[in-house]
Amino acid sequence: MARACILAMILLAAACRGMAAEAVSGTVTILEGQALVYRGATRLQAQEGLRLMLGDIVATPASTLAQIELADKTVLQLGGDTQIMLGASTTRQKTVDRWVYLMDGWLKLVGVSGAADATPLELRAPLFELAAGPSALVVRASAAEATIFVERGSTHVTERPAADPPASVALEAGDSYRRAAGARGTVNPGSMQAFVAEMPRSFRDSLPLRIDRFRDADVQPRTAPDFAYADVEDWLNAEPWLRRQFVQRWRSKTRDAAFRSALVANLAAHPEWDPVLFPEKYRPKPPAPPRPAPAIALPAPTPAPMQLPAQVQVPTAASDPASLTTR
């Protein structure tokens, strides 16, 4: 146990050093209940004042409320049983895309008007993406369905996976949008009473901004118990562009027998782990031994013609008088 704790502290310190050069993505300013932060291969306990880094995954259990204020003053409110990831990526034009990926759960997004040349924050989910402009949106999302209610402002929703051409839906204040996996979304499909009844109570009010309270605070992260495969299964099995990054991030988890076994059992859902789990399959094969030169069949020698012995000529009297004797 002591060895495991020391290892966790070392990994946490390494993760923090690796993140030090990165811009802080946001700060947890309100936390009612518990929440966990997945950073690198470690898991942390969220607390008010904790600064979040790009790449952090935040997960809340049931009956939790968390408010995250981002660097551009965008506000994210998380309900219970919610998972998000704060990310950024560089496009081919070398511009930076900033995004929040809502894997599942409840999210209230309050966007702000950014500078004209600023890259807008994108909210991405398995079934849609949208730009977080000057609006207030309440979202409930999963891989199976999504619902968006525009409380204030306006937005454009792009359905994912993208169709050809991509389906974009304009939403104004008071609109509700619903979409099930495998179908096109609809606007104002029916009563919102059930949606509002299930909405976290805190989403119905505007929570105060508290970033100034923690601007100069140095809140150090606290480690949480190590995570298992089931804790991050949704991310490991996510869409390819998202899940590929976890191969390097959680590579060290393959030393955990249970984690490795689960990776192997579910390899079809995340085949990019195959080279890590079975590197021998990807090692260069030794060169094949040279093939022997084919034997050249020589023609059989032609037998020499048989030489018959010369006939012995028997002398006759006519031809050899000397051979005759006198009787």
Protein backbone atom coordinates (compact mmCIF):
# COMPACT_ATOMS: atom_id res chain seq x y z
CA MET A 1 0.00 0.00 0.00
CA ALA A 2 2.80 2.42 0.91
CA ARG A 3 4.55 1.67 -2.37
CA ALA A 4 1.35 2.36 -4.30
CA CYS A 5 0.89 5.70 -2.53
CA ILE A 6 4.48 6.73 -3.30
CA LEU A 7 4.01 5.78 -6.95
CA ALA A 8 0.79 7.79 -7.13
CA MET A 9 2.55 10.84 -5.67
CA ILE A 10 5.37 10.51 -8.20
CA LEU A 11 2.92 10.25 -11.09
CA LEU A 12 0.96 13.22 -9.81
CA ALA A 13 4.10 15.33 -9.51
CA ALA A 14 5.15 14.37 -13.02
CA ALA A 15 1.73 15.21 -14.37
CA CYS A 16 1.76 18.60 -12.66
CA ARG A 17 5.23 19.38 -14.00
CA GLY A 18 4.11 18.37 -17.47
CA MET A 19 1.07 20.63 -17.20
CA ALA A 20 2.93 23.62 -15.78
CA ALA A 21 3.73 25.01 -19.20
CA GLU A 22 0.14 24.69 -20.38
CA ALA A 23 -2.35 27.50 -20.04
CA VAL A 24 -4.85 26.98 -17.26
CA SER A 25 -8.15 26.12 -18.92
CA GLY A 26 -10.49 26.95 -16.04
CA THR A 27 -11.12 26.88 -12.31
CA VAL A 28 -13.60 24.98 -10.18
CA THR A 29 -15.38 27.82 -8.36
CA ILE A 30 -18.43 26.04 -6.89
CA LEU A 31 -18.60 22.44 -5.75
CA GLU A 32 -21.51 20.92 -3.87
CA GLY A 33 -20.79 17.23 -3.43
CA GLN A 34 -17.83 15.39 -4.87
CA ALA A 35 -16.17 15.36 -8.27
CA LEU A 36 -13.12 13.65 -9.73
CA VAL A 37 -10.54 14.95 -12.18
CA TYR A 38 -8.60 12.58 -14.47
CA ARG A 39 -5.25 14.13 -15.30
CA GLY A 40 -2.73 12.04 -17.15
CA ALA A 41 -2.71 8.59 -15.57
CA THR A 42 -3.74 9.93 -12.17
CA ARG A 43 -7.08 10.75 -10.58
CA LEU A 44 -7.59 13.78 -8.37
CA GLN A 45 -10.24 14.98 -5.98
CA ALA A 46 -11.85 18.17 -7.23
CA GLN A 47 -12.18 21.07 -4.82
CA GLU A 48 -13.08 24.72 -5.04
CA GLY A 49 -10.19 26.74 -6.40
CA LEU A 50 -8.62 23.82 -8.28
CA ARG A 51 -7.22 24.97 -11.61
CA LEU A 52 -8.06 22.70 -14.51
CA MET A 53 -5.71 21.98 -17.39
CA LEU A 54 -6.35 21.21 -21.02
CA GLY A 55 -6.94 17.49 -21.30
CA ASP A 56 -8.53 17.15 -17.87
CA ILE A 57 -11.62 14.96 -17.59
CA VAL A 58 -14.12 15.99 -14.91
CA ALA A 59 -16.65 13.44 -13.64
CA THR A 60 -19.42 14.04 -11.14
CA PRO A 61 -21.43 11.37 -9.31
CA ALA A 62 -25.14 11.73 -8.66
CA SER A 63 -26.40 14.73 -6.65
CA THR A 64 -23.33 16.86 -7.36
CA LEU A 65 -23.20 20.42 -8.66
CA ALA A 66 -19.97 21.87 -10.00
CA GLN A 67 -19.31 25.22 -11.61
CA ILE A 68 -16.23 25.76 -13.79
CA GLU A 69 -15.26 29.22 -14.95
CA LEU A 70 -13.03 29.15 -18.02
CA ALA A 71 -10.28 31.56 -18.90
CA ASP A 72 -12.47 33.39 -21.44
CA LYS A 73 -15.23 33.83 -18.79
CA THR A 74 -17.40 31.07 -20.25
CA VAL A 75 -19.20 29.25 -17.43
CA LEU A 76 -19.89 25.52 -17.28
CA GLN A 77 -22.28 24.10 -14.71
CA LEU A 78 -22.25 20.32 -14.31
CA GLY A 79 -25.08 18.29 -12.86
CA GLY A 80 -24.82 14.81 -11.39
CA ASP A 81 -23.62 11.78 -13.35
CA THR A 82 -21.84 13.99 -15.86
CA GLN A 83 -18.52 13.62 -17.68
CA ILE A 84 -16.75 16.34 -19.64
CA MET A 85 -13.29 16.86 -21.07
CA LEU A 86 -11.55 20.20 -21.61
CA GLY A 87 -9.49 20.13 -24.77
CA ALA A 88 -7.83 21.96 -27.59
CA SER A 89 -6.39 20.90 -30.91
CA THR A 90 -4.41 22.55 -33.69
CA THR A 91 -5.98 22.60 -37.14
CA ARG A 92 -4.18 22.35 -40.46
CA GLN A 93 -4.24 26.15 -40.61
CA LYS A 94 -2.33 26.13 -37.29
CA THR A 95 -5.20 27.75 -35.45
CA VAL A 96 -6.22 26.38 -32.07
CA ASP A 97 -9.66 24.86 -31.59
CA ARG A 98 -10.90 25.09 -28.01
CA TRP A 99 -13.61 22.65 -27.04
CA VAL A 100 -15.48 20.97 -24.23
CA TYR A 101 -16.61 17.41 -24.90
CA LEU A 102 -19.76 16.35 -23.06
CA MET A 103 -19.65 12.57 -22.94
CA ASP A 104 -22.91 12.29 -21.02
CA GLY A 105 -24.95 14.02 -18.38
CA TRP A 106 -26.24 17.54 -17.69
CA LEU A 107 -24.45 20.74 -18.64
CA LYS A 108 -25.42 24.39 -18.52
CA LEU A 109 -23.25 26.49 -20.80
CA VAL A 110 -23.20 30.26 -20.42
CA GLY A 111 -21.13 31.76 -23.22
CA VAL A 112 -19.80 35.26 -23.65
CA SER A 113 -19.03 37.56 -26.57
CA GLY A 114 -15.37 37.04 -27.30
CA ALA A 115 -12.99 39.24 -29.24
CA ALA A 116 -13.49 39.31 -32.99
CA ASP A 117 -10.27 37.39 -33.60
CA ALA A 118 -10.75 34.92 -30.73
CA THR A 119 -11.41 31.27 -31.42
CA PRO A 120 -14.89 30.46 -30.10
CA LEU A 121 -15.26 27.62 -27.64
CA GLU A 122 -17.03 24.60 -29.11
CA LEU A 123 -19.30 22.28 -27.19
CA ARG A 124 -19.02 18.77 -28.62
CA ALA A 125 -21.03 15.67 -27.81
CA PRO A 126 -21.52 12.31 -29.51
CA LEU A 127 -24.50 13.61 -31.54
CA PHE A 128 -23.80 17.33 -32.09
CA GLU A 129 -21.46 20.27 -31.80
CA LEU A 130 -22.11 23.99 -31.43
CA ALA A 131 -20.23 27.23 -30.88
CA ALA A 132 -20.56 28.77 -27.43
CA GLY A 133 -21.48 32.34 -28.28
CA PRO A 134 -23.32 34.88 -26.13
CA SER A 135 -26.03 32.50 -25.03
CA ALA A 136 -27.22 30.30 -22.18
CA LEU A 137 -27.92 26.68 -23.04
CA VAL A 138 -29.09 23.71 -20.98
CA VAL A 139 -27.95 20.41 -22.45
CA ARG A 140 -28.57 16.78 -21.67
CA ALA A 141 -26.52 14.42 -23.81
CA SER A 142 -25.46 10.81 -24.21
CA ALA A 143 -24.44 8.55 -27.07
CA ALA A 144 -28.09 7.63 -27.60
CA GLU A 145 -29.84 11.01 -27.51
CA ALA A 146 -29.40 14.72 -26.95
CA THR A 147 -31.63 17.60 -25.87
CA ILE A 148 -30.72 21.30 -26.00
CA PHE A 149 -32.81 24.13 -24.58
CA VAL A 150 -31.86 27.71 -25.49
CA GLU A 151 -32.52 29.77 -22.40
CA ARG A 152 -30.99 32.95 -23.82
CA GLY A 153 -29.37 34.07 -27.05
CA SER A 154 -29.03 31.88 -30.13
CA THR A 155 -26.79 29.18 -31.56
CA HIS A 156 -26.29 26.82 -34.49
CA VAL A 157 -26.20 23.07 -33.92
CA THR A 158 -24.25 20.84 -36.30
CA GLU A 159 -25.32 17.22 -36.17
CA ARG A 160 -22.64 14.59 -35.76
CA PRO A 161 -21.43 12.36 -37.26
CA ALA A 162 -21.44 14.94 -40.00
CA ALA A 163 -23.70 14.28 -42.95
CA ASP A 164 -22.83 15.36 -46.48
CA PRO A 165 -23.60 18.21 -46.51
CA PRO A 166 -23.50 18.69 -42.72
CA ALA A 167 -26.91 19.33 -41.17
CA SER A 168 -26.93 22.65 -39.32
CA VAL A 169 -29.92 23.77 -37.25
CA ALA A 170 -30.44 27.36 -36.07
CA LEU A 171 -31.84 27.76 -32.57
CA GLU A 172 -33.21 30.90 -30.96
CA ALA A 173 -34.15 31.74 -27.38
CA GLY A 174 -36.95 29.45 -26.19
CA ASP A 175 -36.22 26.74 -28.77
CA SER A 176 -35.65 23.14 -27.78
CA TYR A 177 -33.82 20.66 -29.97
CA ARG A 178 -33.95 16.88 -29.68
CA ARG A 179 -32.13 14.19 -31.54
CA ALA A 180 -31.86 10.42 -31.21
CA ALA A 181 -28.92 8.47 -32.59
CA GLY A 182 -29.43 7.53 -36.22
CA ALA A 183 -32.09 10.17 -36.85
CA ARG A 184 -32.24 13.86 -37.73
CA GLY A 185 -32.91 16.31 -34.95
CA THR A 186 -36.18 18.20 -34.50
CA VAL A 187 -36.90 21.61 -33.03
CA ASN A 188 -39.71 22.08 -30.49
CA PRO A 189 -40.93 18.46 -30.79
CA GLY A 190 -43.20 18.64 -27.78
CA SER A 191 -43.63 19.68 -24.20
CA MET A 192 -40.51 20.47 -22.18
CA GLN A 193 -42.15 19.71 -18.84
CA ALA A 194 -40.38 16.36 -18.41
CA PHE A 195 -37.05 17.90 -19.37
CA VAL A 196 -37.47 20.79 -16.93
CA ALA A 197 -38.60 18.44 -14.16
CA GLU A 198 -35.45 16.35 -14.51
CA MET A 199 -33.15 19.35 -14.88
CA PRO A 200 -30.83 20.00 -11.92
CA ARG A 201 -32.52 22.56 -9.70
CA SER A 202 -29.47 24.83 -9.73
CA PHE A 203 -29.74 25.21 -13.53
CA ARG A 204 -32.93 27.23 -13.11
CA ASP A 205 -31.04 30.11 -11.48
CA SER A 206 -27.92 32.07 -12.37
CA LEU A 207 -25.12 31.12 -9.99
CA PRO A 208 -22.69 33.86 -8.93
CA LEU A 209 -19.29 34.15 -10.56
CA ARG A 210 -16.54 33.47 -8.05
CA ILE A 211 -13.34 33.38 -10.09
CA ASP A 212 -11.96 36.50 -8.38
CA ARG A 213 -12.07 34.70 -5.03
CA PHE A 214 -9.59 32.09 -6.28
CA ARG A 215 -7.48 34.18 -8.65
CA ASP A 216 -4.49 34.29 -6.30
CA ALA A 217 -5.21 31.03 -4.46
CA ASP A 218 -2.75 28.18 -4.75
CA VAL A 219 -5.01 25.15 -4.36
CA GLN A 220 -2.94 21.98 -4.62
CA PRO A 221 -4.59 18.88 -6.10
CA ARG A 222 -5.18 15.89 -3.85
CA THR A 223 -4.87 12.37 -5.16
CA ALA A 224 -7.88 10.08 -5.32
CA PRO A 225 -7.89 6.28 -5.47
CA ASP A 226 -6.58 4.82 -8.69
CA PHE A 227 -9.12 4.27 -11.44
CA ALA A 228 -10.17 1.03 -13.12
CA TYR A 229 -11.10 0.26 -16.70
CA ALA A 230 -14.81 0.66 -15.97
CA ASP A 231 -14.24 4.23 -14.72
CA VAL A 232 -12.95 5.38 -18.13
CA GLU A 233 -14.63 2.87 -20.42
CA ASP A 234 -16.76 5.53 -22.11
CA TRP A 235 -13.64 7.48 -23.10
CA LEU A 236 -11.72 4.41 -24.25
CA ASN A 237 -14.66 3.47 -26.49
CA ALA A 238 -15.38 6.99 -27.77
CA GLU A 239 -15.15 8.14 -31.38
CA PRO A 240 -11.69 7.55 -32.90
CA TRP A 241 -10.36 11.15 -32.93
CA LEU A 242 -11.06 11.45 -29.22
CA ARG A 243 -10.00 8.06 -27.90
CA ARG A 244 -6.64 7.80 -29.71
CA GLN A 245 -5.01 10.25 -27.31
CA PHE A 246 -5.62 7.91 -24.39
CA VAL A 247 -3.20 5.31 -25.77
CA GLN A 248 -0.24 7.40 -24.63
CA ARG A 249 -1.98 8.96 -21.64
CA TRP A 250 -2.95 5.64 -20.06
CA ARG A 251 -0.21 3.43 -21.49
CA SER A 252 1.19 2.82 -18.00
CA LYS A 253 -2.15 1.29 -16.98
CA THR A 254 -1.32 -1.81 -19.04
CA ARG A 255 0.92 -2.86 -16.15
CA ASP A 256 -2.24 -3.34 -14.11
CA ALA A 257 -3.37 -6.92 -14.76
CA ALA A 258 -7.11 -6.18 -14.47
CA PHE A 259 -6.91 -3.07 -16.64
CA ARG A 260 -4.90 -4.90 -19.27
CA SER A 261 -7.28 -7.85 -19.26
CA ALA A 262 -10.23 -5.53 -19.86
CA LEU A 263 -8.39 -3.79 -22.70
CA VAL A 264 -7.77 -7.14 -24.37
CA ALA A 265 -11.34 -8.32 -23.87
CA ASN A 266 -12.73 -5.14 -25.47
CA LEU A 267 -10.02 -4.66 -28.09
CA ALA A 268 -12.54 -4.53 -30.92
CA ALA A 269 -13.90 -1.27 -29.47
CA HIS A 270 -10.47 0.38 -29.34
CA PRO A 271 -8.14 -1.40 -31.81
CA GLU A 272 -5.49 1.32 -31.50
CA TRP A 273 -4.36 -0.40 -28.29
CA ASP A 274 -3.30 -3.52 -30.17
CA PRO A 275 0.33 -2.38 -30.79
CA VAL A 276 0.69 -1.55 -27.08
CA LEU A 277 -0.78 -4.82 -25.86
CA PHE A 278 0.90 -7.05 -28.43
CA PRO A 279 4.04 -5.26 -29.64
CA GLU A 280 5.55 -8.50 -30.91
CA LYS A 281 3.02 -8.49 -33.74
CA TYR A 282 4.45 -5.21 -35.02
CA ARG A 283 8.18 -5.87 -34.75
CA PRO A 284 10.04 -6.06 -38.05
CA LYS A 285 10.17 -9.60 -39.31
CA PRO A 286 13.66 -11.08 -39.80
CA PRO A 287 14.71 -11.29 -43.42
CA ALA A 288 13.95 -14.59 -45.06
CA PRO A 289 16.98 -16.83 -45.72
CA PRO A 290 18.22 -16.65 -49.30
CA ARG A 291 16.63 -19.19 -51.55
CA PRO A 292 19.08 -21.74 -52.99
CA ALA A 293 19.76 -21.40 -56.66
CA PRO A 294 17.73 -23.91 -58.64
CA ALA A 295 19.72 -26.91 -59.83
CA ILE A 296 20.38 -26.91 -63.55
CA ALA A 297 19.52 -30.26 -65.09
CA LEU A 298 22.29 -31.31 -67.45
CA PRO A 299 21.33 -33.38 -70.48
CA ALA A 300 22.21 -37.06 -70.24
CA PRO A 301 25.37 -37.91 -72.20
CA THR A 302 24.75 -39.49 -75.55
CA PRO A 303 26.16 -43.05 -75.51
CA ALA A 304 29.01 -43.64 -77.93
CA PRO A 305 28.25 -46.02 -80.79
CA MET A 306 29.28 -49.60 -80.09
CA GLN A 307 32.60 -50.50 -81.67
CA LEU A 308 32.44 -53.99 -83.06
CA PRO A 309 35.74 -55.94 -83.15
CA ALA A 310 37.32 -56.23 -86.55
CA GLN A 311 36.50 -59.49 -88.35
CA VAL A 312 39.32 -62.00 -88.34
CA GLN A 313 39.92 -63.02 -91.90
CA VAL A 314 40.72 -66.75 -92.36
CA PRO A 315 43.25 -67.20 -95.10
CA THR A 316 42.22 -69.41 -98.00
CA ALA A 317 44.22 -71.29 -100.50
CA ALA A 318 43.36 -69.00 -103.23
CA SER A 319 44.42 -66.02 -101.35
CA ASP A 320 47.51 -67.45 -99.56
CA PRO A 321 49.34 -70.20 -101.47
CA ALA A 322 51.97 -70.35 -98.80
CA SER A 323 49.56 -71.72 -96.40
CA LEU A 324 49.00 -74.88 -98.46
CA THR A 325 50.99 -77.93 -97.43
CA THR A 326 51.97 -80.92 -99.45
CA ARG A 327 50.51 -84.13 -98.28
